Amino acid sequence: MQQFLDVGPPDVVKIFVDTREDPEFDNVLKSLGAYVIRKQLEVGDFICSDRVIVERKTRSDFESSIIDGRLFKQLDNLIENYSRVVVIIEGTSEMERLNKNAILGAYSSIIANYGASLFFTKSSEKTMELIYNLAKYEQFSEKRVARLFARRKGNTLSQNQQIIVESFPMVGPKLAKNLLTHFGSLENLFKASERELLEVDGMGKKKAKLVKTILASSFEG
């Protein structure tokens, strides 16, 4: 199931940033001209289009992810959901915990086994510049859009319902679950009044009004 987000000014590069990433990245991307949307992403750190996703790692975290096996689990999920996976390794490392052969082996596996692109940057500013230009190329040159949710295989009915609710602005995983638990079904949720929406934990007046406006407004294609 694919969900798309049509927000922000037209003809502007849109980039999804995982909520766990440094908020300062938003400022750098905005200074480059991007419209930034923060969401808790199921996979990856930055979404540039419906096919390009970026996994950013500092050199220290990259080594840690090799040691604990996290890197290759993440890559499995990335390539399962996106056809173009980009791994960016940021910064310099003076004290390496792994020997050269182990690190080169991981680089080789990323490229040869997973088919991912591997880039090295010296700073977070250079990383954001690369991500911005990837998104710009995809959205302007290739005319592709940024997909909000990963294409998970074999989603359950409940997971698909939650994906639909999470597509609303300002609604994250926790609030989506609260809404579905409270109303019991999407049909009941969509029929709910603004007053009834306010009964749900975490749903303030601003969010309730926005959700109801989206549900009640006519579509203008």
N, C-alpha and C. Protein backbone atom coordinates (compact mmCIF):
# COMPACT_ATOMS: atom_id res chain seq x y z
N MET A 1 0.85 -1.19 0.00
CA MET A 1 0.00 0.00 0.00
C MET A 1 0.88 1.23 0.00
N GLN A 2 0.60 2.19 -0.88
CA GLN A 2 1.40 3.39 -0.97
C GLN A 2 0.57 4.59 -0.54
N GLN A 3 1.18 5.44 0.30
CA GLN A 3 0.53 6.66 0.73
C GLN A 3 1.40 7.83 0.30
N PHE A 4 0.76 8.90 -0.21
CA PHE A 4 1.50 10.06 -0.65
C PHE A 4 1.06 11.28 0.13
N LEU A 5 1.97 12.18 0.35
CA LEU A 5 1.66 13.39 1.09
C LEU A 5 1.77 14.58 0.16
N ASP A 6 0.64 15.28 -0.04
CA ASP A 6 0.62 16.44 -0.92
C ASP A 6 0.50 17.68 -0.05
N VAL A 7 1.61 18.11 0.51
CA VAL A 7 1.61 19.27 1.39
C VAL A 7 2.71 20.23 0.96
N GLY A 8 2.64 21.43 1.53
CA GLY A 8 3.69 22.40 1.25
C GLY A 8 3.49 23.08 -0.09
N PRO A 9 4.28 24.10 -0.32
CA PRO A 9 4.17 24.86 -1.57
C PRO A 9 4.53 24.01 -2.78
N PRO A 10 3.90 24.26 -3.92
CA PRO A 10 4.24 23.50 -5.13
C PRO A 10 5.63 23.84 -5.63
N ASP A 11 6.20 22.95 -6.40
CA ASP A 11 7.52 23.18 -7.01
C ASP A 11 8.62 23.42 -5.98
N VAL A 12 8.49 22.79 -4.83
CA VAL A 12 9.51 22.87 -3.79
C VAL A 12 9.91 21.45 -3.41
N VAL A 13 11.19 21.23 -3.23
CA VAL A 13 11.68 19.90 -2.85
C VAL A 13 11.15 19.53 -1.48
N LYS A 14 10.56 18.35 -1.38
CA LYS A 14 10.01 17.87 -0.11
C LYS A 14 10.85 16.68 0.38
N ILE A 15 11.20 16.73 1.65
CA ILE A 15 12.02 15.66 2.23
C ILE A 15 11.41 15.22 3.55
N PHE A 16 11.21 13.90 3.69
CA PHE A 16 10.75 13.35 4.96
C PHE A 16 11.97 13.08 5.83
N VAL A 17 11.90 13.53 7.08
CA VAL A 17 13.00 13.34 8.03
C VAL A 17 12.46 12.58 9.23
N ASP A 18 13.15 11.52 9.62
CA ASP A 18 12.73 10.75 10.79
C ASP A 18 12.80 11.62 12.04
N THR A 19 11.81 11.47 12.92
CA THR A 19 11.73 12.31 14.11
C THR A 19 12.91 12.11 15.06
N ARG A 20 13.64 11.00 14.91
CA ARG A 20 14.77 10.74 15.80
C ARG A 20 16.06 11.41 15.33
N GLU A 21 16.01 12.05 14.16
CA GLU A 21 17.18 12.76 13.66
C GLU A 21 17.28 14.15 14.31
N ASP A 22 18.48 14.71 14.33
CA ASP A 22 18.74 16.01 14.94
C ASP A 22 17.88 17.10 14.29
N PRO A 23 17.10 17.87 15.07
CA PRO A 23 16.26 18.94 14.52
C PRO A 23 17.07 19.99 13.74
N GLU A 24 18.35 20.10 14.04
CA GLU A 24 19.18 21.07 13.32
C GLU A 24 19.27 20.74 11.84
N PHE A 25 19.10 19.46 11.50
CA PHE A 25 19.12 19.07 10.09
C PHE A 25 18.01 19.77 9.31
N ASP A 26 16.87 19.99 9.97
CA ASP A 26 15.76 20.67 9.33
C ASP A 26 16.18 22.06 8.86
N ASN A 27 16.89 22.77 9.75
CA ASN A 27 17.30 24.14 9.43
C ASN A 27 18.24 24.17 8.23
N VAL A 28 19.15 23.19 8.18
CA VAL A 28 20.09 23.15 7.05
C VAL A 28 19.34 22.86 5.75
N LEU A 29 18.42 21.88 5.79
CA LEU A 29 17.66 21.53 4.60
C LEU A 29 16.78 22.70 4.14
N LYS A 30 16.18 23.39 5.10
CA LYS A 30 15.33 24.54 4.76
C LYS A 30 16.16 25.66 4.15
N SER A 31 17.38 25.84 4.64
CA SER A 31 18.24 26.89 4.08
C SER A 31 18.62 26.60 2.64
N LEU A 32 18.58 25.31 2.28
CA LEU A 32 18.87 24.90 0.90
C LEU A 32 17.64 25.03 0.00
N GLY A 33 16.47 25.21 0.63
CA GLY A 33 15.24 25.38 -0.13
C GLY A 33 14.25 24.25 -0.01
N ALA A 34 14.47 23.32 0.91
CA ALA A 34 13.59 22.16 1.04
C ALA A 34 12.41 22.45 1.97
N TYR A 35 11.32 21.75 1.71
CA TYR A 35 10.17 21.73 2.63
C TYR A 35 10.30 20.43 3.42
N VAL A 36 10.48 20.53 4.74
CA VAL A 36 10.78 19.37 5.57
C VAL A 36 9.53 18.87 6.28
N ILE A 37 9.29 17.56 6.20
CA ILE A 37 8.18 16.93 6.90
C ILE A 37 8.77 15.92 7.87
N ARG A 38 8.51 16.11 9.17
CA ARG A 38 9.02 15.19 10.18
C ARG A 38 7.98 14.11 10.48
N LYS A 39 8.41 12.87 10.37
CA LYS A 39 7.56 11.72 10.68
C LYS A 39 8.43 10.62 11.27
N GLN A 40 7.86 9.80 12.10
CA GLN A 40 8.59 8.63 12.57
C GLN A 40 8.55 7.60 11.46
N LEU A 41 9.68 7.41 10.79
CA LEU A 41 9.75 6.53 9.64
C LEU A 41 9.95 5.08 10.08
N GLU A 42 9.31 4.18 9.38
CA GLU A 42 9.45 2.76 9.70
C GLU A 42 10.84 2.25 9.33
N VAL A 43 11.37 2.76 8.24
CA VAL A 43 12.73 2.40 7.81
C VAL A 43 13.43 3.65 7.34
N GLY A 44 14.77 3.66 7.46
CA GLY A 44 15.56 4.77 6.95
C GLY A 44 15.46 6.04 7.77
N ASP A 45 16.23 7.04 7.34
CA ASP A 45 16.29 8.31 8.05
C ASP A 45 15.74 9.48 7.23
N PHE A 46 15.88 9.40 5.90
CA PHE A 46 15.40 10.47 5.02
C PHE A 46 14.77 9.85 3.78
N ILE A 47 13.59 10.31 3.40
CA ILE A 47 12.96 9.84 2.17
C ILE A 47 13.02 10.95 1.14
N CYS A 48 13.61 10.64 -0.01
CA CYS A 48 13.77 11.62 -1.08
C CYS A 48 12.74 11.45 -2.18
N SER A 49 12.23 10.25 -2.36
CA SER A 49 11.21 9.98 -3.38
C SER A 49 10.59 8.62 -3.11
N ASP A 50 9.70 8.20 -4.00
CA ASP A 50 9.05 6.91 -3.81
C ASP A 50 10.02 5.75 -4.01
N ARG A 51 11.22 6.03 -4.51
CA ARG A 51 12.18 4.93 -4.69
C ARG A 51 13.51 5.15 -3.97
N VAL A 52 13.80 6.37 -3.55
CA VAL A 52 15.10 6.69 -2.93
C VAL A 52 14.95 6.96 -1.44
N ILE A 53 15.66 6.18 -0.65
CA ILE A 53 15.69 6.38 0.80
C ILE A 53 17.14 6.43 1.26
N VAL A 54 17.38 7.22 2.30
CA VAL A 54 18.75 7.42 2.79
C VAL A 54 18.87 6.93 4.23
N GLU A 55 19.89 6.15 4.47
CA GLU A 55 20.27 5.74 5.82
C GLU A 55 21.56 6.48 6.16
N ARG A 56 21.51 7.37 7.16
CA ARG A 56 22.68 8.16 7.56
C ARG A 56 23.29 7.56 8.81
N LYS A 57 24.63 7.41 8.77
CA LYS A 57 25.34 6.92 9.95
C LYS A 57 26.62 7.70 10.15
N THR A 58 26.89 8.06 11.40
CA THR A 58 28.21 8.59 11.70
C THR A 58 29.18 7.41 11.63
N ARG A 59 30.46 7.69 11.53
CA ARG A 59 31.43 6.59 11.46
C ARG A 59 31.38 5.71 12.71
N SER A 60 31.17 6.35 13.85
CA SER A 60 31.11 5.59 15.10
C SER A 60 29.89 4.66 15.11
N ASP A 61 28.74 5.20 14.69
CA ASP A 61 27.53 4.38 14.66
C ASP A 61 27.62 3.29 13.60
N PHE A 62 28.30 3.60 12.50
CA PHE A 62 28.48 2.59 11.45
C PHE A 62 29.23 1.39 12.00
N GLU A 63 30.31 1.65 12.72
CA GLU A 63 31.08 0.55 13.30
C GLU A 63 30.25 -0.22 14.34
N SER A 64 29.50 0.52 15.17
CA SER A 64 28.66 -0.14 16.18
C SER A 64 27.62 -1.03 15.52
N SER A 65 27.06 -0.56 14.39
CA SER A 65 26.02 -1.34 13.71
C SER A 65 26.57 -2.60 13.06
N ILE A 66 27.86 -2.59 12.73
CA ILE A 66 28.50 -3.81 12.22
C ILE A 66 28.70 -4.80 13.37
N ILE A 67 29.17 -4.28 14.49
CA ILE A 67 29.48 -5.12 15.65
C ILE A 67 28.23 -5.82 16.18
N ASP A 68 27.11 -5.08 16.29
CA ASP A 68 25.90 -5.68 16.87
C ASP A 68 24.97 -6.29 15.82
N GLY A 69 25.37 -6.23 14.53
CA GLY A 69 24.59 -6.85 13.48
C GLY A 69 23.40 -6.04 13.00
N ARG A 70 23.24 -4.85 13.54
CA ARG A 70 22.10 -4.01 13.21
C ARG A 70 22.13 -3.54 11.75
N LEU A 71 23.31 -3.28 11.22
CA LEU A 71 23.46 -2.74 9.88
C LEU A 71 22.76 -3.59 8.83
N PHE A 72 23.00 -4.88 8.87
CA PHE A 72 22.48 -5.75 7.81
C PHE A 72 20.99 -6.02 7.97
N LYS A 73 20.48 -5.97 9.19
CA LYS A 73 19.03 -6.06 9.39
C LYS A 73 18.36 -4.82 8.81
N GLN A 74 18.98 -3.66 9.02
CA GLN A 74 18.44 -2.42 8.48
C GLN A 74 18.46 -2.45 6.95
N LEU A 75 19.54 -2.95 6.39
CA LEU A 75 19.64 -3.02 4.94
C LEU A 75 18.59 -3.96 4.35
N ASP A 76 18.32 -5.07 5.04
CA ASP A 76 17.27 -5.99 4.59
C ASP A 76 15.93 -5.26 4.48
N ASN A 77 15.60 -4.46 5.50
CA ASN A 77 14.35 -3.72 5.50
C ASN A 77 14.35 -2.62 4.44
N LEU A 78 15.47 -1.97 4.27
CA LEU A 78 15.55 -0.88 3.29
C LEU A 78 15.33 -1.37 1.86
N ILE A 79 16.03 -2.43 1.49
CA ILE A 79 15.91 -2.90 0.10
C ILE A 79 14.57 -3.60 -0.14
N GLU A 80 13.92 -4.04 0.93
CA GLU A 80 12.60 -4.65 0.79
C GLU A 80 11.56 -3.61 0.42
N ASN A 81 11.81 -2.36 0.83
CA ASN A 81 10.81 -1.31 0.67
C ASN A 81 11.14 -0.27 -0.40
N TYR A 82 12.41 -0.09 -0.71
CA TYR A 82 12.81 0.94 -1.68
C TYR A 82 13.79 0.36 -2.69
N SER A 83 13.65 0.77 -3.95
CA SER A 83 14.50 0.23 -5.00
C SER A 83 15.86 0.92 -5.08
N ARG A 84 15.98 2.10 -4.49
CA ARG A 84 17.25 2.83 -4.49
C ARG A 84 17.60 3.19 -3.05
N VAL A 85 18.54 2.45 -2.49
CA VAL A 85 18.96 2.67 -1.10
C VAL A 85 20.31 3.37 -1.09
N VAL A 86 20.40 4.44 -0.34
CA VAL A 86 21.63 5.21 -0.23
C VAL A 86 22.11 5.18 1.22
N VAL A 87 23.32 4.75 1.44
CA VAL A 87 23.92 4.75 2.77
C VAL A 87 24.99 5.84 2.80
N ILE A 88 24.84 6.78 3.73
CA ILE A 88 25.80 7.87 3.88
C ILE A 88 26.55 7.68 5.20
N ILE A 89 27.86 7.62 5.12
CA ILE A 89 28.71 7.52 6.31
C ILE A 89 29.37 8.87 6.52
N GLU A 90 29.09 9.47 7.66
CA GLU A 90 29.45 10.86 7.90
C GLU A 90 30.56 11.02 8.93
N GLY A 91 31.48 11.93 8.64
CA GLY A 91 32.51 12.30 9.60
C GLY A 91 33.80 11.53 9.42
N THR A 92 34.71 11.76 10.33
CA THR A 92 36.01 11.08 10.30
C THR A 92 36.19 10.33 11.61
N SER A 93 37.00 9.32 11.58
CA SER A 93 37.24 8.51 12.77
C SER A 93 38.73 8.34 12.99
N GLU A 94 39.20 8.81 14.13
CA GLU A 94 40.62 8.68 14.45
C GLU A 94 40.91 7.36 15.18
N MET A 95 39.91 6.85 15.90
CA MET A 95 40.10 5.61 16.65
C MET A 95 39.08 4.58 16.17
N GLU A 96 39.50 3.67 15.33
CA GLU A 96 38.60 2.66 14.80
C GLU A 96 38.62 1.42 15.69
N ARG A 97 37.43 0.90 15.97
CA ARG A 97 37.32 -0.30 16.80
C ARG A 97 37.45 -1.57 15.97
N LEU A 98 37.22 -1.46 14.68
CA LEU A 98 37.31 -2.60 13.78
C LEU A 98 38.53 -2.45 12.89
N ASN A 99 39.10 -3.58 12.48
CA ASN A 99 40.25 -3.48 11.59
C ASN A 99 39.81 -3.12 10.17
N LYS A 100 40.77 -2.77 9.38
CA LYS A 100 40.50 -2.28 8.03
C LYS A 100 39.75 -3.31 7.19
N ASN A 101 40.11 -4.58 7.29
CA ASN A 101 39.47 -5.61 6.49
C ASN A 101 37.99 -5.76 6.84
N ALA A 102 37.65 -5.65 8.11
CA ALA A 102 36.25 -5.77 8.53
C ALA A 102 35.41 -4.62 7.97
N ILE A 103 35.97 -3.43 8.02
CA ILE A 103 35.25 -2.25 7.51
C ILE A 103 35.10 -2.32 6.00
N LEU A 104 36.18 -2.70 5.31
CA LEU A 104 36.11 -2.83 3.85
C LEU A 104 35.15 -3.94 3.44
N GLY A 105 35.09 -4.99 4.25
CA GLY A 105 34.15 -6.08 3.98
C GLY A 105 32.71 -5.61 4.09
N ALA A 106 32.43 -4.75 5.08
CA ALA A 106 31.08 -4.20 5.24
C ALA A 106 30.73 -3.30 4.06
N TYR A 107 31.71 -2.46 3.64
CA TYR A 107 31.47 -1.60 2.47
C TYR A 107 31.13 -2.46 1.25
N SER A 108 31.90 -3.51 1.05
CA SER A 108 31.71 -4.38 -0.11
C SER A 108 30.34 -5.06 -0.08
N SER A 109 29.92 -5.48 1.12
CA SER A 109 28.62 -6.14 1.26
C SER A 109 27.48 -5.19 0.95
N ILE A 110 27.59 -3.95 1.41
CA ILE A 110 26.56 -2.94 1.14
C ILE A 110 26.34 -2.78 -0.36
N ILE A 111 27.45 -2.74 -1.10
CA ILE A 111 27.37 -2.51 -2.54
C ILE A 111 27.03 -3.79 -3.31
N ALA A 112 27.76 -4.88 -3.01
CA ALA A 112 27.63 -6.10 -3.81
C ALA A 112 26.42 -6.95 -3.43
N ASN A 113 26.17 -7.11 -2.13
CA ASN A 113 25.07 -7.97 -1.69
C ASN A 113 23.72 -7.26 -1.65
N TYR A 114 23.75 -5.98 -1.32
CA TYR A 114 22.49 -5.25 -1.17
C TYR A 114 22.20 -4.28 -2.32
N GLY A 115 23.20 -4.02 -3.16
CA GLY A 115 22.99 -3.13 -4.29
C GLY A 115 22.76 -1.68 -3.89
N ALA A 116 23.20 -1.31 -2.69
CA ALA A 116 23.01 0.06 -2.21
C ALA A 116 24.17 0.96 -2.65
N SER A 117 23.88 2.25 -2.73
CA SER A 117 24.92 3.23 -3.03
C SER A 117 25.56 3.69 -1.73
N LEU A 118 26.86 3.88 -1.75
CA LEU A 118 27.61 4.23 -0.55
C LEU A 118 28.33 5.56 -0.77
N PHE A 119 28.07 6.52 0.13
CA PHE A 119 28.70 7.84 0.04
C PHE A 119 29.37 8.17 1.37
N PHE A 120 30.40 8.99 1.28
CA PHE A 120 31.11 9.45 2.48
C PHE A 120 31.08 10.98 2.50
N THR A 121 30.72 11.54 3.65
CA THR A 121 30.72 13.00 3.80
C THR A 121 31.52 13.38 5.05
N LYS A 122 32.02 14.60 5.06
CA LYS A 122 32.85 15.05 6.17
C LYS A 122 32.05 15.68 7.30
N SER A 123 30.84 16.15 7.01
CA SER A 123 30.05 16.85 8.03
C SER A 123 28.57 16.67 7.77
N SER A 124 27.76 17.02 8.77
CA SER A 124 26.31 16.92 8.61
C SER A 124 25.81 17.90 7.55
N GLU A 125 26.47 19.05 7.43
CA GLU A 125 26.07 20.02 6.41
C GLU A 125 26.25 19.43 5.01
N LYS A 126 27.36 18.73 4.80
CA LYS A 126 27.60 18.10 3.49
C LYS A 126 26.61 16.96 3.25
N THR A 127 26.24 16.26 4.33
CA THR A 127 25.25 15.18 4.21
C THR A 127 23.91 15.75 3.77
N MET A 128 23.47 16.85 4.41
CA MET A 128 22.19 17.46 4.07
C MET A 128 22.21 18.00 2.64
N GLU A 129 23.35 18.50 2.22
CA GLU A 129 23.47 19.01 0.84
C GLU A 129 23.29 17.87 -0.16
N LEU A 130 23.87 16.72 0.13
CA LEU A 130 23.74 15.56 -0.75
C LEU A 130 22.29 15.07 -0.77
N ILE A 131 21.67 14.98 0.40
CA ILE A 131 20.28 14.52 0.49
C ILE A 131 19.35 15.47 -0.26
N TYR A 132 19.57 16.76 -0.09
CA TYR A 132 18.73 17.74 -0.79
C TYR A 132 18.83 17.57 -2.31
N ASN A 133 20.04 17.39 -2.80
CA ASN A 133 20.22 17.26 -4.25
C ASN A 133 19.68 15.93 -4.79
N LEU A 134 19.74 14.89 -3.97
CA LEU A 134 19.11 13.63 -4.37
C LEU A 134 17.60 13.82 -4.53
N ALA A 135 17.00 14.47 -3.54
CA ALA A 135 15.55 14.71 -3.58
C ALA A 135 15.19 15.64 -4.74
N LYS A 136 15.99 16.65 -4.96
CA LYS A 136 15.74 17.59 -6.05
C LYS A 136 15.77 16.88 -7.40
N TYR A 137 16.75 16.03 -7.60
CA TYR A 137 16.85 15.28 -8.86
C TYR A 137 15.64 14.38 -9.04
N GLU A 138 15.29 13.65 -7.99
CA GLU A 138 14.18 12.71 -8.08
C GLU A 138 12.86 13.42 -8.36
N GLN A 139 12.60 14.50 -7.64
CA GLN A 139 11.30 15.16 -7.74
C GLN A 139 11.17 16.11 -8.92
N PHE A 140 12.27 16.71 -9.35
CA PHE A 140 12.19 17.67 -10.46
C PHE A 140 12.61 17.06 -11.79
N SER A 141 13.72 16.32 -11.80
CA SER A 141 14.20 15.74 -13.06
C SER A 141 13.44 14.48 -13.42
N GLU A 142 13.19 13.63 -12.42
CA GLU A 142 12.51 12.36 -12.66
C GLU A 142 11.00 12.42 -12.42
N LYS A 143 10.53 13.55 -11.90
CA LYS A 143 9.09 13.77 -11.65
C LYS A 143 8.49 12.69 -10.73
N ARG A 144 9.24 12.34 -9.71
CA ARG A 144 8.77 11.35 -8.75
C ARG A 144 8.32 12.07 -7.48
N VAL A 145 7.53 11.36 -6.65
CA VAL A 145 7.03 11.96 -5.42
C VAL A 145 7.65 11.24 -4.22
N ALA A 146 7.57 11.90 -3.08
CA ALA A 146 8.08 11.29 -1.84
C ALA A 146 6.97 10.46 -1.23
N ARG A 147 7.23 9.18 -1.01
CA ARG A 147 6.23 8.30 -0.43
C ARG A 147 6.34 8.32 1.08
N LEU A 148 5.20 8.49 1.72
CA LEU A 148 5.19 8.66 3.17
C LEU A 148 5.50 7.38 3.93
N PHE A 149 4.94 6.26 3.46
CA PHE A 149 5.11 5.01 4.19
C PHE A 149 5.82 3.98 3.34
N ALA A 150 6.61 3.18 4.02
CA ALA A 150 7.32 2.10 3.34
C ALA A 150 6.33 1.04 2.87
N ARG A 151 6.73 0.32 1.84
CA ARG A 151 5.88 -0.69 1.24
C ARG A 151 6.11 -2.03 1.94
N ARG A 152 5.58 -2.16 3.15
CA ARG A 152 5.77 -3.38 3.93
C ARG A 152 5.05 -4.55 3.28
N LYS A 153 5.72 -5.68 3.22
CA LYS A 153 5.10 -6.88 2.67
C LYS A 153 4.25 -7.56 3.74
N GLY A 154 3.08 -8.01 3.34
CA GLY A 154 2.25 -8.79 4.24
C GLY A 154 1.71 -8.03 5.43
N ASN A 155 1.35 -6.75 5.25
CA ASN A 155 0.76 -6.01 6.35
C ASN A 155 -0.54 -6.67 6.80
N THR A 156 -0.79 -6.65 8.09
CA THR A 156 -2.06 -7.13 8.60
C THR A 156 -3.12 -6.07 8.36
N LEU A 157 -4.39 -6.44 8.55
CA LEU A 157 -5.48 -5.49 8.39
C LEU A 157 -5.31 -4.32 9.35
N SER A 158 -4.94 -4.61 10.59
CA SER A 158 -4.76 -3.55 11.59
C SER A 158 -3.63 -2.61 11.21
N GLN A 159 -2.55 -3.16 10.66
CA GLN A 159 -1.42 -2.32 10.24
C GLN A 159 -1.83 -1.40 9.09
N ASN A 160 -2.61 -1.92 8.15
CA ASN A 160 -3.08 -1.08 7.04
C ASN A 160 -4.02 0.01 7.53
N GLN A 161 -4.85 -0.32 8.51
CA GLN A 161 -5.73 0.70 9.08
C GLN A 161 -4.92 1.80 9.76
N GLN A 162 -3.89 1.39 10.47
CA GLN A 162 -3.07 2.39 11.15
C GLN A 162 -2.31 3.25 10.16
N ILE A 163 -1.85 2.67 9.06
CA ILE A 163 -1.15 3.43 8.02
C ILE A 163 -2.05 4.54 7.48
N ILE A 164 -3.33 4.21 7.26
CA ILE A 164 -4.27 5.20 6.75
C ILE A 164 -4.43 6.37 7.73
N VAL A 165 -4.57 6.05 9.01
CA VAL A 165 -4.77 7.10 10.01
C VAL A 165 -3.50 7.93 10.19
N GLU A 166 -2.34 7.30 10.12
CA GLU A 166 -1.07 8.02 10.27
C GLU A 166 -0.80 8.97 9.11
N SER A 167 -1.54 8.82 8.01
CA SER A 167 -1.32 9.71 6.86
C SER A 167 -1.86 11.11 7.12
N PHE A 168 -2.68 11.28 8.18
CA PHE A 168 -3.18 12.60 8.50
C PHE A 168 -2.05 13.44 9.12
N PRO A 169 -1.98 14.74 8.78
CA PRO A 169 -0.96 15.61 9.38
C PRO A 169 -1.09 15.64 10.90
N MET A 170 0.05 15.66 11.58
CA MET A 170 0.13 15.76 13.04
C MET A 170 -0.36 14.50 13.77
N VAL A 171 -0.53 13.41 13.02
CA VAL A 171 -0.96 12.15 13.65
C VAL A 171 0.17 11.13 13.54
N GLY A 172 0.73 10.76 14.68
CA GLY A 172 1.80 9.77 14.71
C GLY A 172 1.26 8.40 15.09
N PRO A 173 2.14 7.41 15.23
CA PRO A 173 1.72 6.03 15.54
C PRO A 173 0.88 5.91 16.81
N LYS A 174 1.26 6.61 17.88
CA LYS A 174 0.55 6.50 19.15
C LYS A 174 -0.87 7.04 19.04
N LEU A 175 -1.02 8.23 18.46
CA LEU A 175 -2.34 8.83 18.32
C LEU A 175 -3.20 8.02 17.36
N ALA A 176 -2.60 7.48 16.30
CA ALA A 176 -3.35 6.65 15.35
C ALA A 176 -3.95 5.44 16.06
N LYS A 177 -3.16 4.80 16.92
CA LYS A 177 -3.66 3.65 17.67
C LYS A 177 -4.77 4.06 18.63
N ASN A 178 -4.58 5.23 19.28
CA ASN A 178 -5.61 5.72 20.20
C ASN A 178 -6.93 5.96 19.48
N LEU A 179 -6.86 6.54 18.29
CA LEU A 179 -8.07 6.83 17.52
C LEU A 179 -8.78 5.54 17.11
N LEU A 180 -8.01 4.59 16.62
CA LEU A 180 -8.60 3.33 16.17
C LEU A 180 -9.17 2.53 17.34
N THR A 181 -8.48 2.56 18.46
CA THR A 181 -8.97 1.86 19.65
C THR A 181 -10.26 2.50 20.16
N HIS A 182 -10.30 3.82 20.14
CA HIS A 182 -11.46 4.55 20.65
C HIS A 182 -12.69 4.34 19.78
N PHE A 183 -12.53 4.43 18.45
CA PHE A 183 -13.68 4.37 17.54
C PHE A 183 -13.94 2.96 17.00
N GLY A 184 -12.94 2.10 17.07
CA GLY A 184 -13.16 0.70 16.71
C GLY A 184 -13.03 0.37 15.24
N SER A 185 -13.21 1.36 14.36
CA SER A 185 -13.08 1.12 12.92
C SER A 185 -12.83 2.45 12.21
N LEU A 186 -12.34 2.36 10.98
CA LEU A 186 -12.12 3.56 10.19
C LEU A 186 -13.45 4.26 9.88
N GLU A 187 -14.47 3.46 9.63
CA GLU A 187 -15.79 4.02 9.31
C GLU A 187 -16.30 4.89 10.44
N ASN A 188 -16.19 4.39 11.67
CA ASN A 188 -16.64 5.16 12.83
C ASN A 188 -15.79 6.41 13.03
N LEU A 189 -14.49 6.27 12.80
CA LEU A 189 -13.58 7.41 12.93
C LEU A 189 -13.93 8.50 11.93
N PHE A 190 -14.16 8.11 10.69
CA PHE A 190 -14.45 9.10 9.64
C PHE A 190 -15.79 9.80 9.86
N LYS A 191 -16.71 9.13 10.55
CA LYS A 191 -18.02 9.72 10.81
C LYS A 191 -18.04 10.57 12.07
N ALA A 192 -16.97 10.50 12.86
CA ALA A 192 -16.94 11.18 14.16
C ALA A 192 -16.96 12.70 13.99
N SER A 193 -17.62 13.36 14.94
CA SER A 193 -17.65 14.82 14.94
C SER A 193 -16.35 15.34 15.57
N GLU A 194 -16.14 16.62 15.43
CA GLU A 194 -14.96 17.23 16.02
C GLU A 194 -14.99 17.07 17.54
N ARG A 195 -16.17 17.19 18.12
CA ARG A 195 -16.31 17.02 19.57
C ARG A 195 -15.95 15.60 19.99
N GLU A 196 -16.38 14.63 19.20
CA GLU A 196 -16.08 13.23 19.52
C GLU A 196 -14.59 12.94 19.36
N LEU A 197 -13.95 13.57 18.39
CA LEU A 197 -12.50 13.39 18.20
C LEU A 197 -11.74 13.89 19.42
N LEU A 198 -12.24 14.96 20.04
CA LEU A 198 -11.56 15.55 21.19
C LEU A 198 -11.59 14.64 22.42
N GLU A 199 -12.42 13.61 22.40
CA GLU A 199 -12.49 12.68 23.52
C GLU A 199 -11.30 11.72 23.54
N VAL A 200 -10.55 11.69 22.44
CA VAL A 200 -9.43 10.75 22.33
C VAL A 200 -8.17 11.35 22.95
N ASP A 201 -7.49 10.57 23.74
CA ASP A 201 -6.26 11.01 24.40
C ASP A 201 -5.21 11.41 23.36
N GLY A 202 -4.69 12.63 23.49
CA GLY A 202 -3.66 13.11 22.57
C GLY A 202 -4.20 13.92 21.41
N MET A 203 -5.52 14.01 21.28
CA MET A 203 -6.14 14.74 20.18
C MET A 203 -6.59 16.12 20.67
N GLY A 204 -5.78 17.13 20.42
CA GLY A 204 -6.12 18.49 20.82
C GLY A 204 -7.06 19.14 19.81
N LYS A 205 -7.47 20.36 20.12
CA LYS A 205 -8.43 21.07 19.27
C LYS A 205 -7.88 21.30 17.86
N LYS A 206 -6.62 21.67 17.76
CA LYS A 206 -6.02 21.96 16.46
C LYS A 206 -6.00 20.71 15.58
N LYS A 207 -5.60 19.59 16.16
CA LYS A 207 -5.54 18.34 15.40
C LYS A 207 -6.94 17.88 15.00
N ALA A 208 -7.87 17.96 15.95
CA ALA A 208 -9.23 17.51 15.67
C ALA A 208 -9.85 18.33 14.53
N LYS A 209 -9.65 19.62 14.57
CA LYS A 209 -10.20 20.50 13.52
C LYS A 209 -9.58 20.17 12.17
N LEU A 210 -8.26 19.93 12.16
CA LEU A 210 -7.56 19.64 10.91
C LEU A 210 -8.03 18.31 10.32
N VAL A 211 -8.14 17.28 11.15
CA VAL A 211 -8.61 15.97 10.68
C VAL A 211 -10.02 16.07 10.12
N LYS A 212 -10.90 16.77 10.84
CA LYS A 212 -12.29 16.89 10.40
C LYS A 212 -12.38 17.70 9.10
N THR A 213 -11.54 18.72 8.96
CA THR A 213 -11.53 19.51 7.73
C THR A 213 -11.12 18.67 6.54
N ILE A 214 -10.10 17.84 6.72
CA ILE A 214 -9.65 16.96 5.64
C ILE A 214 -10.73 15.97 5.23
N LEU A 215 -11.42 15.41 6.23
CA LEU A 215 -12.45 14.42 5.95
C LEU A 215 -13.69 15.02 5.30
N ALA A 216 -14.02 16.26 5.64
CA ALA A 216 -15.26 16.86 5.18
C ALA A 216 -15.11 17.69 3.90
N SER A 217 -13.88 18.07 3.56
CA SER A 217 -13.68 18.96 2.40
C SER A 217 -13.80 18.20 1.08
N SER A 218 -14.28 18.89 0.07
CA SER A 218 -14.40 18.31 -1.27
C SER A 218 -13.03 18.18 -1.90
N PHE A 219 -12.86 17.13 -2.69
CA PHE A 219 -11.59 16.91 -3.37
C PHE A 219 -11.52 17.80 -4.62
N GLU A 220 -10.40 18.50 -4.76
CA GLU A 220 -10.18 19.33 -5.93
C GLU A 220 -8.94 18.84 -6.64
N GLY A 221 -9.13 18.00 -7.64
CA GLY A 221 -8.00 17.39 -8.33
C GLY A 221 -7.30 18.35 -9.26
